[in-house]
Amino acid sequence: MPRMRLTKAQQLALCKHRREHAPHATLKEMAQWAATTYRLPRPPSKAAVSRMLKREDTLSRLNMNALQRSRTQPAQVVKLDTMLVEAIMYFEGGGVALNGRLLVWLARKCAEELKIPQEDLPRFTRTGWLRHFQRRHGIRSRRAHGEIDSVDLVAARAEAERLRKVLADYNPSDVFNMDEAALFYQSLPRRSLCVRAAPALKQRKARVTMVVGTNATGSELPLLILGTAKRPRWLRDKPDGVDYKGVGKGWMTAAVFSEWLQDLEARMAAEDRRILLLVDNAPSHKVPEEATPHVRVVKLPPNTTAAIQPMDQGVIATLKARVMDAQTEA
């Protein structure tokens, strides 16, 4: 059965109530008072109440921030918080964005530097620790810049209905979607943890293009990276399942798409499969004159892909997040 924890402010109020209004109350009566006053599921134990009463002097010396907690943080953990707040203000003052992923990484590094014992070490998670850290110190996540895509919802609904009829003739494992996404691998985060206002950021434009494809059951096509260098230094260390091609400005072109499609056609012919490939209506997605009997290409209408294209429903975003995590840890 979990213990009933009172914040330090509630504990101090309990001590004050007994001293000023109920000096002869028993521990059981004080426990019941706490349960009634703070609407607890059940009263705290008598031993817990006794410990609270003995610590009144200590409780009265705590600041307002500490009084909101049910547990007192070890000194090194408090120092860690201070270091991180100072780091946020430093980055903010320099116009550098610091998002949650980077702050969690920085927190781990600072904890190592402070030599915080394992038993006192916070669990540095973005959903738990980070949220509580921001709440404790009034830190907000603000978007530095960005734009909203225009989606034609009426056209998207009509296209979704048309696609259902087309997809009915195919097994889910034979329905593929391919899309490209720019990865600005030197850019700063678009969101920043701030004490005041979001910094004005000048983004670096160095980029590669990721060509991402998978079928409806999750089988992935090899990831194709398009860059400007013919043979970048990292190419010899590239992981399996990743292909690279140096091309002009590192963008998808009609020639590259045609070559990619012919490779996919050859692969499906070797497997004796006939598949459906969904792509957006980008100018580079020109279906070559050469027949692709094993790959039927279906283009999505303009201004609908953000709503109905599978790769835009979190697949590419997740891939980018993993790349950013790997960069942070590198």
Protein backbone atom coordinates (compact mmCIF):
# COMPACT_ATOMS: atom_id res chain seq x y z
CA MET A 1 0.00 0.00 0.00
CA PRO A 2 1.59 3.33 -1.09
CA ARG A 3 2.42 5.90 1.57
CA MET A 4 0.49 9.14 1.85
CA ARG A 5 2.96 11.90 1.02
CA LEU A 6 2.30 15.49 2.01
CA THR A 7 4.19 18.38 0.47
CA LYS A 8 6.54 20.24 2.77
CA ALA A 9 4.04 23.13 2.86
CA GLN A 10 1.29 20.76 4.01
CA GLN A 11 3.58 19.26 6.64
CA LEU A 12 4.43 22.73 7.92
CA ALA A 13 0.71 23.61 8.05
CA LEU A 14 0.05 20.45 10.09
CA CYS A 15 2.75 21.45 12.58
CA LYS A 16 1.36 24.98 12.83
CA HIS A 17 -2.22 23.73 13.30
CA ARG A 18 -1.23 21.50 16.20
CA ARG A 19 0.89 24.18 17.84
CA GLU A 20 -1.74 26.93 17.56
CA HIS A 21 -5.09 25.12 17.61
CA ALA A 22 -4.72 21.58 18.91
CA PRO A 23 -1.71 21.29 21.24
CA HIS A 24 -3.17 18.22 22.97
CA ALA A 25 -4.31 16.38 19.82
CA THR A 26 -3.07 12.81 19.42
CA LEU A 27 -1.05 11.64 16.44
CA LYS A 28 -4.10 9.76 15.17
CA GLU A 29 -6.24 12.89 15.40
CA MET A 30 -3.63 14.93 13.53
CA ALA A 31 -3.43 12.27 10.83
CA GLN A 32 -7.20 12.42 10.44
CA TRP A 33 -7.05 16.23 10.29
CA ALA A 34 -4.52 16.02 7.43
CA ALA A 35 -6.67 13.50 5.55
CA THR A 36 -9.77 15.70 5.89
CA THR A 37 -8.03 19.00 5.13
CA TYR A 38 -6.12 17.78 2.09
CA ARG A 39 -8.70 15.21 0.91
CA LEU A 40 -6.32 12.29 1.10
CA PRO A 41 -7.53 8.76 0.27
CA ARG A 42 -6.54 7.77 3.80
CA PRO A 43 -4.73 9.36 6.76
CA PRO A 44 -0.91 9.25 6.94
CA SER A 45 0.56 6.91 9.51
CA LYS A 46 1.12 8.04 13.10
CA ALA A 47 4.86 7.51 12.62
CA ALA A 48 4.82 9.85 9.62
CA VAL A 49 2.93 12.52 11.59
CA SER A 50 5.41 12.19 14.44
CA ARG A 51 8.34 12.75 12.06
CA MET A 52 6.65 15.84 10.63
CA LEU A 53 6.10 17.37 14.07
CA LYS A 54 9.73 16.81 15.03
CA ARG A 55 10.91 18.58 11.85
CA GLU A 56 8.92 21.80 12.24
CA ASP A 57 12.04 23.95 12.67
CA THR A 58 13.62 22.49 9.54
CA LEU A 59 10.41 22.89 7.54
CA SER A 60 10.01 26.52 8.55
CA ARG A 61 13.42 27.37 7.03
CA LEU A 62 12.63 26.00 3.56
CA ASN A 63 12.02 28.37 0.66
CA MET A 64 8.76 28.46 -1.30
CA ASN A 65 10.10 26.25 -4.10
CA ALA A 66 11.09 23.49 -1.70
CA LEU A 67 7.79 23.72 0.18
CA GLN A 68 5.91 22.60 -2.93
CA ARG A 69 7.66 19.23 -2.88
CA SER A 70 6.82 16.12 -0.93
CA ARG A 71 10.47 15.05 -0.83
CA THR A 72 13.58 17.08 -0.11
CA GLN A 73 16.07 16.96 -2.98
CA PRO A 74 19.69 16.03 -2.19
CA ALA A 75 22.07 18.99 -2.33
CA GLN A 76 23.81 17.74 -5.47
CA VAL A 77 20.49 17.37 -7.30
CA VAL A 78 19.55 20.93 -6.33
CA LYS A 79 22.93 22.07 -7.67
CA LEU A 80 22.23 20.18 -10.89
CA ASP A 81 18.99 22.13 -11.34
CA THR A 82 20.87 25.39 -10.80
CA MET A 83 23.50 24.46 -13.39
CA LEU A 84 20.85 23.59 -15.97
CA VAL A 85 18.88 26.81 -15.45
CA GLU A 86 22.10 28.79 -15.85
CA ALA A 87 22.88 26.84 -19.02
CA ILE A 88 19.44 27.61 -20.48
CA MET A 89 19.89 31.32 -19.75
CA TYR A 90 23.40 31.23 -21.27
CA PHE A 91 22.18 29.63 -24.50
CA GLU A 92 19.17 31.93 -24.59
CA GLY A 93 21.40 34.98 -24.23
CA GLY A 94 23.57 33.77 -27.09
CA GLY A 95 20.61 33.19 -29.39
CA VAL A 96 21.17 29.42 -29.43
CA ALA A 97 18.19 27.05 -29.25
CA LEU A 98 18.25 24.32 -26.62
CA ASN A 99 15.47 21.76 -26.94
CA GLY A 100 14.38 19.04 -24.54
CA ARG A 101 16.52 16.32 -26.09
CA LEU A 102 19.67 18.43 -25.71
CA LEU A 103 18.80 19.44 -22.16
CA VAL A 104 18.36 15.80 -21.11
CA TRP A 105 21.76 15.01 -22.63
CA LEU A 106 23.28 18.02 -20.83
CA ALA A 107 21.66 16.93 -17.55
CA ARG A 108 23.30 13.50 -17.80
CA LYS A 109 26.70 15.09 -18.44
CA CYS A 110 26.30 17.52 -15.52
CA ALA A 111 25.22 14.67 -13.23
CA GLU A 112 28.40 12.79 -14.13
CA GLU A 113 30.48 15.89 -13.39
CA LEU A 114 28.77 16.36 -10.01
CA LYS A 115 29.26 12.64 -9.20
CA ILE A 116 25.66 12.28 -7.99
CA PRO A 117 25.23 8.86 -6.30
CA GLN A 118 23.19 6.33 -8.24
CA GLU A 119 20.49 6.20 -5.56
CA ASP A 120 19.94 9.98 -5.86
CA LEU A 121 20.24 10.16 -9.64
CA PRO A 122 17.04 11.37 -11.35
CA ARG A 123 15.59 9.37 -14.22
CA PHE A 124 16.35 11.73 -17.08
CA THR A 125 13.29 11.24 -19.28
CA ARG A 126 11.65 13.78 -21.56
CA THR A 127 8.14 12.87 -20.42
CA GLY A 128 8.78 12.80 -16.67
CA TRP A 129 11.91 14.50 -15.40
CA LEU A 130 11.99 17.20 -18.08
CA ARG A 131 8.34 18.16 -17.58
CA HIS A 132 8.80 18.49 -13.80
CA PHE A 133 12.04 20.43 -14.27
CA GLN A 134 10.30 22.93 -16.54
CA ARG A 135 7.42 23.29 -14.08
CA ARG A 136 9.77 23.86 -11.13
CA HIS A 137 11.64 26.67 -12.83
CA GLY A 138 9.01 28.22 -15.09
CA ILE A 139 10.79 27.07 -18.25
CA ARG A 140 8.71 27.07 -21.41
CA SER A 141 9.21 25.47 -24.78
CA ARG A 142 8.75 28.04 -27.52
CA ARG A 143 8.91 27.68 -31.26
CA ALA A 144 11.59 29.81 -32.82
CA HIS A 145 10.16 29.77 -36.34
CA GLY A 146 8.12 27.62 -38.64
CA GLU A 147 5.27 27.50 -41.11
CA ILE A 148 1.88 25.84 -41.37
CA ASP A 149 1.21 23.64 -44.39
CA SER A 150 -1.96 24.22 -46.35
CA VAL A 151 -4.03 21.05 -46.55
CA ASP A 152 -7.15 20.73 -48.70
CA LEU A 153 -9.22 18.55 -46.38
CA VAL A 154 -12.12 18.18 -48.84
CA ALA A 155 -9.80 16.91 -51.56
CA ALA A 156 -7.98 14.72 -49.02
CA ARG A 157 -11.23 12.99 -48.00
CA ALA A 158 -12.21 12.40 -51.63
CA GLU A 159 -8.76 11.04 -52.44
CA ALA A 160 -8.82 8.75 -49.41
CA GLU A 161 -12.10 7.27 -50.64
CA ARG A 162 -10.65 6.74 -54.12
CA LEU A 163 -7.54 5.11 -52.69
CA ARG A 164 -9.60 2.64 -50.67
CA LYS A 165 -11.04 1.28 -53.90
CA VAL A 166 -7.60 1.04 -55.51
CA LEU A 167 -6.03 -0.59 -52.45
CA ALA A 168 -8.76 -3.22 -52.29
CA ASP A 169 -7.02 -5.07 -55.14
CA TYR A 170 -3.73 -5.36 -53.25
CA ASN A 171 -2.44 -7.21 -50.23
CA PRO A 172 -1.21 -4.75 -47.53
CA SER A 173 2.32 -6.11 -47.93
CA ASP A 174 2.21 -5.03 -51.60
CA VAL A 175 1.17 -1.42 -50.92
CA PHE A 176 4.20 0.88 -50.65
CA ASN A 177 4.66 4.58 -50.03
CA MET A 178 7.77 6.62 -50.80
CA ASP A 179 8.53 10.19 -49.84
CA GLU A 180 11.55 12.46 -49.58
CA ALA A 181 12.47 14.66 -46.66
CA ALA A 182 15.22 17.22 -46.25
CA LEU A 183 17.48 16.72 -43.26
CA PHE A 184 19.29 19.92 -42.27
CA TYR A 185 21.86 18.10 -40.19
CA GLN A 186 23.62 21.26 -38.98
CA SER A 187 20.46 23.19 -38.13
CA LEU A 188 19.47 24.29 -34.64
CA PRO A 189 16.30 22.94 -33.00
CA ARG A 190 13.10 24.72 -34.00
CA ARG A 191 11.90 24.67 -30.42
CA SER A 192 13.91 26.05 -27.53
CA LEU A 193 13.58 25.90 -23.76
CA CYS A 194 13.47 29.52 -22.63
CA VAL A 195 13.25 31.59 -19.48
CA ARG A 196 12.12 34.64 -21.47
CA ALA A 197 11.50 34.73 -25.24
CA ALA A 198 12.56 32.37 -27.99
CA PRO A 199 15.85 33.40 -29.65
CA ALA A 200 15.97 34.61 -33.24
CA LEU A 201 17.80 31.83 -35.03
CA LYS A 202 19.82 31.84 -38.23
CA GLN A 203 19.61 28.32 -39.55
CA ARG A 204 22.45 26.62 -41.40
CA LYS A 205 21.46 25.30 -44.81
CA ALA A 206 23.69 22.21 -45.09
CA ARG A 207 21.34 19.36 -45.97
CA VAL A 208 20.86 15.91 -47.38
CA THR A 209 17.66 14.37 -48.73
CA MET A 210 16.34 11.15 -47.23
CA VAL A 211 14.28 8.91 -49.54
CA VAL A 212 12.10 6.84 -47.23
CA GLY A 213 9.87 3.96 -48.29
CA THR A 214 7.96 1.15 -46.62
CA ASN A 215 4.89 -0.99 -47.15
CA ALA A 216 1.67 -1.11 -45.15
CA THR A 217 2.97 -3.94 -42.96
CA GLY A 218 6.19 -2.14 -42.02
CA SER A 219 8.74 -3.76 -44.33
CA GLU A 220 11.27 -1.08 -45.22
CA LEU A 221 12.86 -0.27 -48.53
CA PRO A 222 16.57 0.60 -48.33
CA LEU A 223 17.00 4.17 -47.10
CA LEU A 224 18.50 6.34 -49.84
CA ILE A 225 20.50 9.44 -48.90
CA LEU A 226 21.03 12.11 -51.56
CA GLY A 227 23.92 14.48 -50.91
CA THR A 228 26.17 16.88 -52.78
CA ALA A 229 29.47 15.03 -52.30
CA LYS A 230 30.25 12.12 -54.60
CA ARG A 231 31.97 10.11 -51.87
CA PRO A 232 31.55 11.67 -48.41
CA ARG A 233 33.95 10.54 -45.68
CA TRP A 234 31.25 8.69 -43.73
CA LEU A 235 30.33 6.52 -46.72
CA ARG A 236 32.75 3.73 -45.83
CA ASP A 237 31.11 3.45 -42.40
CA LYS A 238 27.50 3.62 -43.54
CA PRO A 239 25.16 1.05 -41.96
CA ASP A 240 23.61 -1.80 -43.91
CA GLY A 241 20.28 -0.93 -45.47
CA VAL A 242 21.40 2.60 -46.36
CA ASP A 243 22.34 3.66 -49.90
CA TYR A 244 23.95 6.94 -50.93
CA LYS A 245 24.05 8.93 -54.16
CA GLY A 246 25.81 12.23 -54.81
CA VAL A 247 23.70 14.45 -57.03
CA GLY A 248 23.83 18.18 -57.81
CA LYS A 249 22.34 20.06 -54.88
CA GLY A 250 21.42 16.91 -53.01
CA TRP A 251 17.78 17.02 -54.11
CA MET A 252 15.57 14.44 -55.75
CA THR A 253 15.54 14.79 -59.54
CA ALA A 254 13.54 13.10 -62.29
CA ALA A 255 16.64 11.13 -63.30
CA VAL A 256 17.29 9.90 -59.76
CA PHE A 257 13.62 8.97 -59.29
CA SER A 258 13.63 7.06 -62.58
CA GLU A 259 16.74 5.15 -61.54
CA TRP A 260 15.27 4.43 -58.08
CA LEU A 261 12.02 3.22 -59.65
CA GLN A 262 13.82 0.93 -62.09
CA ASP A 263 15.78 -0.59 -59.20
CA LEU A 264 12.50 -1.21 -57.37
CA GLU A 265 11.00 -2.74 -60.52
CA ALA A 266 13.96 -5.13 -60.83
CA ARG A 267 13.64 -6.13 -57.19
CA MET A 268 9.91 -6.86 -57.47
CA ALA A 269 10.40 -8.75 -60.74
CA ALA A 270 12.99 -10.95 -59.05
CA GLU A 271 10.47 -11.67 -56.27
CA ASP A 272 7.63 -12.12 -58.80
CA ARG A 273 5.56 -9.48 -57.01
CA ARG A 274 3.27 -6.75 -58.33
CA ILE A 275 3.01 -3.80 -56.00
CA LEU A 276 1.31 -0.43 -55.71
CA LEU A 277 3.55 2.58 -55.03
CA LEU A 278 2.03 5.80 -53.65
CA VAL A 279 4.00 9.01 -54.22
CA ASP A 280 3.19 12.70 -54.06
CA ASN A 281 2.88 14.87 -57.15
CA ALA A 282 6.36 16.41 -56.96
CA PRO A 283 7.72 17.41 -60.41
CA SER A 284 10.62 14.99 -59.95
CA HIS A 285 8.25 12.03 -59.69
CA LYS A 286 8.00 11.47 -63.43
CA VAL A 287 7.14 7.90 -64.34
CA PRO A 288 9.67 6.83 -67.01
CA GLU A 289 8.59 5.70 -70.44
CA GLU A 290 10.08 2.29 -69.74
CA ALA A 291 7.35 -0.03 -68.56
CA THR A 292 7.30 -1.02 -64.89
CA PRO A 293 4.83 -3.93 -64.95
CA HIS A 294 5.66 -4.96 -61.39
CA VAL A 295 5.28 -1.46 -59.91
CA ARG A 296 2.08 0.54 -60.39
CA VAL A 297 2.70 4.19 -59.50
CA VAL A 298 -0.22 6.22 -58.13
CA LYS A 299 0.25 9.94 -57.47
CA LEU A 300 -1.56 11.80 -54.71
CA PRO A 301 -3.28 15.12 -55.55
CA PRO A 302 -1.74 18.48 -54.57
CA ASN A 303 -2.26 19.79 -51.01
CA THR A 304 -3.41 16.42 -49.65
CA THR A 305 -0.22 14.56 -48.80
CA ALA A 306 0.14 15.97 -45.28
CA ALA A 307 -3.23 14.44 -44.42
CA ILE A 308 -3.16 11.09 -46.24
CA GLN A 309 0.42 10.18 -47.15
CA PRO A 310 1.62 7.44 -44.74
CA MET A 311 5.21 8.74 -44.51
CA ASP A 312 3.83 12.06 -43.22
CA GLN A 313 1.99 10.38 -40.34
CA GLY A 314 5.03 10.22 -38.09
CA VAL A 315 7.38 7.86 -39.95
CA ILE A 316 9.74 10.55 -41.26
CA ALA A 317 9.44 12.58 -38.05
CA THR A 318 10.48 9.53 -36.01
CA LEU A 319 13.42 8.84 -38.32
CA LYS A 320 14.62 12.44 -38.01
CA ALA A 321 14.29 12.29 -34.22
CA ARG A 322 16.46 9.17 -34.12
CA VAL A 323 19.08 10.85 -36.29
CA MET A 324 19.09 13.86 -33.96
CA ASP A 325 19.40 11.58 -30.92
CA ALA A 326 22.39 9.86 -32.53
CA GLN A 327 23.99 13.25 -33.28
CA THR A 328 23.47 14.37 -29.69
CA GLU A 329 25.14 11.26 -28.30
CA ALA A 330 28.02 11.37 -30.80
